Protein backbone atom coordinates (compact mmCIF):
# COMPACT_ATOMS: atom_id res chain seq x y z
CA MET A 1 -20.73 -8.53 -19.23
CA LYS A 2 -20.42 -7.86 -15.50
CA VAL A 3 -18.84 -10.29 -13.03
CA ILE A 4 -18.03 -10.20 -9.33
CA LEU A 5 -14.43 -9.48 -8.32
CA GLY A 6 -12.48 -11.49 -5.75
CA ILE A 7 -9.14 -10.12 -4.58
CA SER A 8 -6.88 -12.84 -3.30
CA ASN A 9 -4.41 -12.22 -0.49
CA ARG A 10 -1.44 -14.52 0.04
CA HIS A 11 -2.64 -18.02 0.88
CA ILE A 12 -1.75 -21.68 0.71
CA HIS A 13 -3.18 -24.97 -0.58
CA LEU A 14 -1.89 -28.25 0.89
CA THR A 15 -1.82 -31.93 0.08
CA GLU A 16 -3.05 -34.33 2.73
CA GLU A 17 0.53 -35.51 3.34
CA ASP A 18 1.87 -31.98 3.87
CA TYR A 19 -1.16 -31.08 6.00
CA LYS A 20 -0.38 -34.00 8.35
CA THR A 21 3.28 -32.92 8.55
CA LEU A 22 2.24 -29.39 9.52
CA PHE A 23 -0.85 -30.04 11.66
CA GLY A 24 -0.70 -33.70 12.70
CA ASP A 25 -4.13 -35.18 13.33
CA GLU A 26 -5.92 -31.85 13.88
CA PRO A 27 -9.10 -31.75 11.78
CA LEU A 28 -9.32 -29.08 9.09
CA GLY A 29 -12.10 -26.67 10.08
CA LYS A 30 -13.99 -24.08 8.06
CA VAL A 31 -14.15 -20.36 8.90
CA LYS A 32 -16.23 -19.28 5.90
CA ASP A 33 -17.24 -20.40 2.44
CA LEU A 34 -15.66 -18.73 -0.57
CA VAL A 35 -17.58 -17.82 -3.73
CA GLN A 36 -16.39 -20.91 -5.60
CA PRO A 37 -18.58 -23.88 -4.55
CA GLY A 38 -16.84 -26.25 -2.12
CA GLN A 39 -13.93 -23.85 -1.51
CA TYR A 40 -13.47 -22.30 1.91
CA SER A 41 -11.22 -20.33 4.19
CA SER A 42 -10.00 -22.77 6.83
CA ASP A 43 -9.25 -22.26 10.50
CA LYS A 44 -5.57 -23.08 9.93
CA LYS A 45 -2.70 -20.66 9.34
CA VAL A 46 0.97 -21.24 8.63
CA THR A 47 4.19 -19.27 8.39
CA ILE A 48 5.96 -19.14 5.05
CA LYS A 49 9.63 -18.29 5.22
CA THR A 50 12.81 -17.92 3.22
CA GLU A 51 16.33 -17.05 4.31
CA LYS A 52 15.40 -13.36 4.08
CA ARG A 53 12.04 -13.11 5.83
CA ALA A 54 8.92 -14.85 7.12
CA PHE A 55 5.21 -14.09 6.75
CA ASP A 56 3.06 -15.32 9.64
CA ASN A 57 -0.66 -16.09 9.61
CA VAL A 58 -0.91 -17.23 5.98
CA ARG A 59 -4.37 -18.75 5.57
CA LEU A 60 -4.87 -22.32 4.39
CA LEU A 61 -7.73 -22.67 1.91
CA GLY A 62 -9.71 -25.88 1.79
CA PRO A 63 -10.35 -28.49 0.82
CA LEU A 64 -6.99 -30.25 0.61
CA ARG A 65 -5.61 -30.64 -2.92
CA LYS A 66 -3.38 -32.93 -4.95
CA TYR A 67 -0.57 -30.35 -4.80
CA THR A 68 0.90 -27.96 -2.26
CA GLN A 69 0.98 -24.38 -3.52
CA VAL A 70 1.77 -21.02 -1.94
CA GLU A 71 0.28 -18.03 -3.76
CA ILE A 72 1.77 -14.61 -3.14
CA SER A 73 1.92 -11.23 -4.87
CA LYS A 74 4.98 -9.75 -6.57
CA THR A 75 5.24 -7.29 -3.67
CA ASP A 76 5.36 -10.25 -1.24
CA SER A 77 8.12 -11.82 -3.34
CA PHE A 78 10.34 -8.78 -2.82
CA GLY A 79 9.92 -9.10 0.94
CA LEU A 80 10.74 -12.82 0.84
CA GLY A 81 13.71 -12.29 -1.49
CA ILE A 82 12.47 -14.77 -4.11
CA ASP A 83 11.35 -14.60 -7.73
CA PRO A 84 8.38 -16.95 -8.19
CA PRO A 85 6.94 -17.43 -11.68
CA MET A 86 3.47 -16.31 -12.69
CA ARG A 87 1.45 -19.47 -13.26
CA ASN A 88 -1.99 -21.00 -13.40
CA SER A 89 -2.95 -22.79 -10.22
CA GLY A 90 -1.40 -26.26 -10.16
CA ASP A 91 1.40 -25.41 -12.61
CA LEU A 92 4.42 -25.46 -10.33
CA GLU A 93 7.14 -25.60 -13.00
CA GLY A 94 9.95 -23.34 -11.82
CA ALA A 95 8.12 -22.52 -8.57
CA ALA A 96 10.18 -20.75 -5.91
CA VAL A 97 11.30 -22.70 -2.86
CA VAL A 98 9.78 -21.69 0.47
CA THR A 99 9.52 -23.32 3.87
CA ILE A 100 6.02 -23.76 5.28
CA VAL A 101 5.88 -23.94 9.08
CA GLY A 102 2.98 -25.33 11.08
CA PRO A 103 2.55 -26.21 14.75
CA CYS A 104 3.74 -29.82 14.23
CA GLY A 105 6.47 -29.50 11.61
CA GLU A 106 7.68 -27.86 8.45
CA VAL A 107 7.91 -28.56 4.73
CA THR A 108 10.44 -27.03 2.31
CA LYS A 109 9.71 -27.35 -1.40
CA PRO A 110 9.37 -25.49 -4.71
CA CYS A 111 5.70 -24.52 -4.49
CA CYS A 112 5.48 -20.72 -4.50
CA ILE A 113 3.90 -18.89 -7.45
CA ILE A 114 2.20 -15.66 -8.39
CA ALA A 115 -1.21 -16.69 -9.68
CA ASN A 116 -2.33 -15.49 -13.10
CA ARG A 117 -5.32 -13.19 -13.26
CA HIS A 118 -8.18 -15.53 -14.01
CA LEU A 119 -11.89 -15.79 -14.61
CA HIS A 120 -13.73 -18.73 -13.04
CA ILE A 121 -16.57 -19.89 -15.27
CA ASN A 122 -18.64 -23.03 -15.83
CA PRO A 123 -19.38 -24.44 -19.31
CA GLU A 124 -22.98 -23.15 -19.37
CA GLN A 125 -21.90 -19.62 -18.46
CA ARG A 126 -19.11 -19.76 -21.03
CA LYS A 127 -21.59 -20.69 -23.75
CA GLU A 128 -24.17 -18.07 -22.64
CA LEU A 129 -21.51 -15.35 -22.66
CA GLY A 130 -20.10 -16.32 -26.06
CA LEU A 131 -16.70 -17.28 -24.70
CA VAL A 132 -16.45 -20.80 -26.15
CA GLY A 133 -13.02 -21.05 -27.79
CA VAL A 134 -11.78 -17.88 -26.08
CA GLU A 135 -8.76 -18.46 -23.81
CA LYS A 136 -8.23 -14.94 -22.42
CA VAL A 137 -10.38 -11.86 -21.79
CA LYS A 138 -9.90 -8.31 -20.54
CA ALA A 139 -11.31 -6.86 -17.34
CA ARG A 140 -12.27 -3.21 -16.84
CA ILE A 141 -12.51 -1.73 -13.37
CA VAL A 142 -14.17 1.68 -13.31
CA GLY A 143 -13.47 4.02 -10.41
CA GLU A 144 -10.96 6.49 -9.03
CA LYS A 145 -8.14 4.59 -10.75
CA SER A 146 -9.96 3.02 -13.69
CA THR A 147 -7.92 0.16 -15.09
CA ILE A 148 -8.09 -2.41 -17.85
CA PHE A 149 -6.39 -5.74 -17.13
CA GLU A 150 -5.37 -7.77 -20.15
CA ASP A 151 -4.52 -11.48 -20.40
CA VAL A 152 -7.12 -12.67 -17.90
CA VAL A 153 -6.99 -16.46 -18.26
CA ILE A 154 -10.33 -18.30 -18.47
CA LYS A 155 -10.53 -21.26 -16.06
CA GLU A 156 -13.49 -23.50 -16.78
CA SER A 157 -14.96 -26.22 -14.60
CA PRO A 158 -18.50 -27.53 -14.08
CA ASP A 159 -17.95 -26.71 -10.38
CA PHE A 160 -17.12 -23.01 -10.93
CA THR A 161 -19.32 -19.96 -10.68
CA LEU A 162 -18.58 -16.70 -12.51
CA GLU A 163 -15.93 -14.70 -10.64
CA LEU A 164 -12.78 -12.73 -11.54
CA HIS A 165 -9.72 -13.32 -9.35
CA LEU A 166 -6.95 -10.75 -9.01
CA ASP A 167 -4.09 -10.68 -6.52
CA THR A 168 -3.61 -7.84 -4.05
CA ASP A 169 -1.13 -5.98 -6.27
CA ASP A 170 -3.63 -5.82 -9.15
CA GLY A 171 -6.53 -5.02 -6.86
CA ASN A 172 -4.69 -2.30 -4.95
CA GLY A 173 -3.37 -0.76 -8.16
CA ALA A 174 -6.95 -0.21 -9.31
CA LEU A 175 -8.28 0.72 -5.84
CA ALA A 176 -10.68 -2.22 -6.29
CA LYS A 177 -12.53 -4.20 -3.64
CA THR A 178 -13.74 -7.76 -3.35
CA GLY A 179 -17.42 -8.00 -4.25
CA GLU A 180 -17.58 -5.12 -6.68
CA GLU A 181 -18.70 -5.62 -10.26
CA VAL A 182 -16.14 -5.67 -13.05
CA GLU A 183 -16.73 -5.60 -16.80
CA ILE A 184 -15.30 -8.49 -18.83
CA PHE A 185 -14.79 -8.17 -22.59
CA ILE A 186 -12.82 -9.76 -25.42
């Protein structure tokens, strides 16, 4: 089965409380919609920093969430001098500590992870594709550097649409691009 690929650069999700600390009363604006319904790239950017280094212009994705989470690649982690765990979104157990800096303040907390490779899917699509009861799939990218990714976690929600998410390390390693078709198999 073919699905659309989304390659995810470093980004951040914020709680309402942390958003207010970083941006005060500024409204959260939308730059563009993402593939997943209701998700968008916001008009807000932050700096994430550690004792070793800082990355400016890290995009905030909306809408606001029930948890604050910074998602980076393994390559980013070397630059920041931290060792974040690989986790599903929202699982912050053992997350690395970073400081998030906005125009109105800063927040320091354990919230930095490397996101697992994952496939967004809704229950109807999961049933149609014969993936009920399957927790992980493989993804094949065909091209100059053809690659098979194993252990792609299935994330199901009625709000999702079919899309594979990889981080920049995985995407760059396969010379892949957002929007191209990828084959998913068990």
